[in-house]
Amino acid sequence: MGNASRKAGGDDPTRFTDGEIKILCEECGGRCCFCIPYTHDLVDINGFLRSGDVTMLAETREERKRLQQELAFIAANWIQIPVVEAKRTATYDVPGWSTEDGNAHYYNCTQWDAATKKCLAYGTRPPNCRGFPFFDKGDPSDSSDYLGCLLVKEAKRRQRALIRSRRRALDKRINDAREGAASPCGSDA
């Protein structure tokens, strides 16, 4: 539920204030907190945790630590659900989600309170949840919008507005340069 940034705006359309995140996520209804696609099933996740070895999944010590925390949260709080249930309960289109080709497994999170539409573990949620949907990339065009996430939609709208604003500024500079070239320079009047 949101790539929480304390500062909004600037040149990064993926930065939102906590208030903006709250409004957009409440309006969405927490689509990212149920029928969650993830690349590994619980058998693999528990195996990684028991062995303590996630080196095949993460290169740096920092990445391994982050991933171990994430996997521990998933193992403790996510319930794997069948593909059929995920497709039946999802309130959004799920194109491309398939365990037939090994792309995703589906989960519901026990920390998601459907009645209040709030995460009960918001302060301790793992990086996978904390970073959704932008994962600090700063580019909403890089974000999958399969959930119909309102943060992604707003960031893409902001990105288009930023591009238009930059284009208008460039056009003005070009027009100013043309006008300056058209006026006689160095004339002895």
Protein backbone atom coordinates (compact mmCIF):
# COMPACT_ATOMS: atom_id res chain seq x y z
CA MET A 1 0.00 0.00 0.00
CA GLY A 2 2.07 2.75 -1.27
CA ASN A 3 5.58 3.87 -1.86
CA ALA A 4 5.36 6.26 1.07
CA SER A 5 7.41 9.35 0.60
CA ARG A 6 7.25 12.25 2.98
CA LYS A 7 7.72 14.81 0.21
CA ALA A 8 5.54 15.06 -2.86
CA GLY A 9 6.09 16.62 -6.23
CA GLY A 10 9.30 17.83 -7.76
CA ASP A 11 10.56 16.00 -10.79
CA ASP A 12 9.60 12.59 -9.40
CA PRO A 13 5.95 11.83 -10.20
CA THR A 14 6.07 8.73 -7.97
CA ARG A 15 6.53 10.74 -4.75
CA PHE A 16 3.38 11.23 -2.71
CA THR A 17 2.65 12.73 0.67
CA ASP A 18 1.23 10.43 3.34
CA GLY A 19 -2.11 12.22 2.93
CA GLU A 20 -2.19 11.59 -0.82
CA ILE A 21 -1.31 7.93 -0.27
CA LYS A 22 -4.05 7.59 2.34
CA ILE A 23 -6.71 9.07 0.03
CA LEU A 24 -5.69 7.07 -3.05
CA CYS A 25 -5.24 3.78 -1.20
CA GLU A 26 -8.55 4.11 0.65
CA GLU A 27 -10.30 4.85 -2.63
CA CYS A 28 -8.71 1.78 -4.22
CA GLY A 29 -9.72 -0.56 -1.42
CA GLY A 30 -6.40 -2.36 -0.98
CA ARG A 31 -6.18 -4.31 -4.22
CA CYS A 32 -2.49 -4.91 -3.55
CA CYS A 33 -3.25 -6.66 -0.24
CA PHE A 34 -5.26 -9.64 -1.46
CA CYS A 35 -4.76 -11.95 -4.42
CA ILE A 36 -1.10 -10.94 -4.20
CA PRO A 37 1.08 -12.38 -6.97
CA TYR A 38 4.52 -13.55 -5.86
CA THR A 39 7.22 -15.50 -7.65
CA HIS A 40 7.75 -18.20 -5.01
CA ASP A 41 5.40 -20.61 -3.29
CA LEU A 42 5.38 -21.17 0.49
CA VAL A 43 7.37 -24.41 0.22
CA ASP A 44 10.25 -22.51 -1.42
CA ILE A 45 9.91 -19.52 0.92
CA ASN A 46 10.09 -21.74 4.01
CA GLY A 47 13.03 -23.62 2.48
CA PHE A 48 14.95 -20.38 1.93
CA LEU A 49 14.22 -19.32 5.51
CA ARG A 50 15.22 -22.68 7.06
CA SER A 51 18.49 -22.76 5.14
CA GLY A 52 19.17 -19.05 5.66
CA ASP A 53 20.49 -19.04 2.10
CA VAL A 54 19.00 -16.50 -0.28
CA THR A 55 22.23 -15.89 -2.20
CA MET A 56 20.65 -17.18 -5.40
CA LEU A 57 17.94 -14.50 -5.08
CA ALA A 58 19.97 -11.51 -3.92
CA GLU A 59 23.55 -10.43 -4.58
CA THR A 60 24.49 -7.97 -1.86
CA ARG A 61 24.40 -8.40 1.91
CA GLU A 62 21.83 -5.58 2.14
CA GLU A 63 19.59 -7.23 -0.50
CA ARG A 64 19.86 -10.60 1.28
CA LYS A 65 18.90 -9.06 4.63
CA ARG A 66 15.94 -7.23 3.07
CA LEU A 67 14.81 -10.40 1.31
CA GLN A 68 15.07 -12.54 4.44
CA GLN A 69 12.89 -10.03 6.32
CA GLU A 70 10.40 -10.02 3.47
CA LEU A 71 10.26 -13.81 3.25
CA ALA A 72 9.83 -14.09 7.04
CA PHE A 73 6.86 -11.69 6.90
CA ILE A 74 5.35 -13.60 3.99
CA ALA A 75 5.77 -16.98 5.71
CA ALA A 76 4.14 -15.64 8.88
CA ASN A 77 1.32 -13.60 7.33
CA TRP A 78 0.48 -14.69 3.81
CA ILE A 79 -1.84 -17.57 2.99
CA GLN A 80 -1.30 -19.15 -0.39
CA ILE A 81 -4.52 -19.50 -2.39
CA PRO A 82 -5.27 -21.48 -5.55
CA VAL A 83 -5.20 -19.73 -8.93
CA VAL A 84 -8.92 -20.42 -9.36
CA GLU A 85 -9.70 -18.62 -6.08
CA ALA A 86 -7.44 -15.71 -6.98
CA LYS A 87 -9.14 -15.24 -10.33
CA ARG A 88 -12.58 -15.57 -8.70
CA THR A 89 -11.97 -13.14 -5.82
CA ALA A 90 -9.86 -10.51 -7.59
CA THR A 91 -11.89 -7.36 -8.24
CA TYR A 92 -9.66 -6.43 -11.17
CA ASP A 93 -8.40 -7.95 -14.38
CA VAL A 94 -5.51 -10.35 -13.87
CA PRO A 95 -4.05 -10.79 -17.37
CA GLY A 96 -0.77 -12.64 -17.57
CA TRP A 97 -1.05 -14.09 -14.09
CA SER A 98 -0.44 -17.76 -14.45
CA THR A 99 1.14 -20.49 -12.41
CA GLU A 100 1.04 -22.68 -15.51
CA ASP A 101 4.19 -20.94 -16.76
CA GLY A 102 5.61 -20.46 -13.27
CA ASN A 103 5.20 -16.69 -13.14
CA ALA A 104 3.22 -16.27 -9.96
CA HIS A 105 1.66 -17.82 -6.93
CA TYR A 106 -1.21 -16.09 -5.18
CA TYR A 107 -1.63 -15.05 -1.57
CA ASN A 108 -3.98 -13.26 0.79
CA CYS A 109 -2.42 -11.38 3.69
CA THR A 110 -3.71 -12.04 7.20
CA GLN A 111 -2.70 -8.49 8.15
CA TRP A 112 -5.19 -6.96 5.72
CA ASP A 113 -8.44 -5.93 7.42
CA ALA A 114 -11.06 -5.96 4.67
CA ALA A 115 -13.64 -4.21 6.88
CA THR A 116 -11.48 -1.16 7.63
CA LYS A 117 -9.38 -1.45 4.44
CA LYS A 118 -6.25 -1.02 6.51
CA CYS A 119 -3.03 -2.96 6.97
CA LEU A 120 -2.72 -4.14 10.57
CA ALA A 121 1.08 -4.38 10.14
CA TYR A 122 1.55 -1.09 8.27
CA GLY A 123 4.56 -0.01 10.34
CA THR A 124 6.33 -3.37 10.02
CA ARG A 125 5.27 -4.43 6.54
CA PRO A 126 8.05 -5.85 4.36
CA PRO A 127 9.87 -4.05 1.53
CA ASN A 128 7.69 -5.81 -1.05
CA CYS A 129 4.63 -4.10 0.44
CA ARG A 130 6.37 -0.88 1.49
CA GLY A 131 7.76 -0.25 -1.98
CA PHE A 132 4.66 -1.10 -3.99
CA PRO A 133 4.00 -0.04 -6.72
CA PHE A 134 7.13 1.91 -7.71
CA PHE A 135 9.90 0.28 -5.68
CA ASP A 136 11.87 3.58 -5.69
CA LYS A 137 12.28 3.56 -9.46
CA GLY A 138 10.93 7.08 -9.88
CA ASP A 139 9.38 6.15 -13.23
CA PRO A 140 5.70 5.20 -13.25
CA SER A 141 5.91 3.92 -16.83
CA ASP A 142 8.05 1.13 -15.39
CA SER A 143 5.28 0.13 -12.95
CA SER A 144 2.86 -2.61 -13.74
CA ASP A 145 -0.71 -1.38 -13.58
CA TYR A 146 -2.42 -4.77 -13.51
CA LEU A 147 -4.12 -3.93 -10.22
CA GLY A 148 -5.57 -0.66 -11.42
CA CYS A 149 -3.53 1.03 -8.69
CA LEU A 150 -4.58 4.65 -8.26
CA LEU A 151 -1.04 5.62 -7.22
CA VAL A 152 0.22 4.38 -10.61
CA LYS A 153 -2.57 6.17 -12.46
CA GLU A 154 -1.88 9.45 -10.61
CA ALA A 155 1.89 9.13 -11.12
CA LYS A 156 1.41 8.56 -14.84
CA ARG A 157 -0.88 11.60 -14.99
CA ARG A 158 1.77 13.65 -13.17
CA GLN A 159 4.46 12.35 -15.51
CA ARG A 160 2.45 13.42 -18.58
CA ALA A 161 1.90 16.87 -17.03
CA LEU A 162 5.63 17.18 -16.28
CA ILE A 163 6.52 16.24 -19.86
CA ARG A 164 4.00 18.79 -21.22
CA SER A 165 5.38 21.49 -18.91
CA ARG A 166 8.96 20.79 -20.00
CA ARG A 167 7.89 20.82 -23.65
CA ARG A 168 6.14 24.19 -23.22
CA ALA A 169 9.28 25.62 -21.56
CA LEU A 170 11.43 24.29 -24.41
CA ASP A 171 9.04 25.71 -27.03
CA LYS A 172 9.19 29.10 -25.30
CA ARG A 173 12.99 29.07 -25.30
CA ILE A 174 13.02 28.13 -29.00
CA ASN A 175 10.53 30.90 -29.85
CA ASP A 176 12.54 33.41 -27.79
CA ALA A 177 15.69 32.36 -29.66
CA ARG A 178 13.92 32.76 -33.01
CA GLU A 179 12.68 36.23 -32.04
CA GLY A 180 16.18 37.20 -30.89
CA ALA A 181 17.68 35.99 -34.18
CA ALA A 182 15.07 37.88 -36.20
CA SER A 183 15.85 41.21 -34.56
CA PRO A 184 18.83 43.04 -35.95
CA CYS A 185 21.87 42.45 -33.78
CA GLY A 186 24.52 45.07 -33.47
CA SER A 187 22.73 47.54 -35.74
CA ASP A 188 23.81 51.17 -35.56
CA ALA A 189 20.55 52.93 -35.01
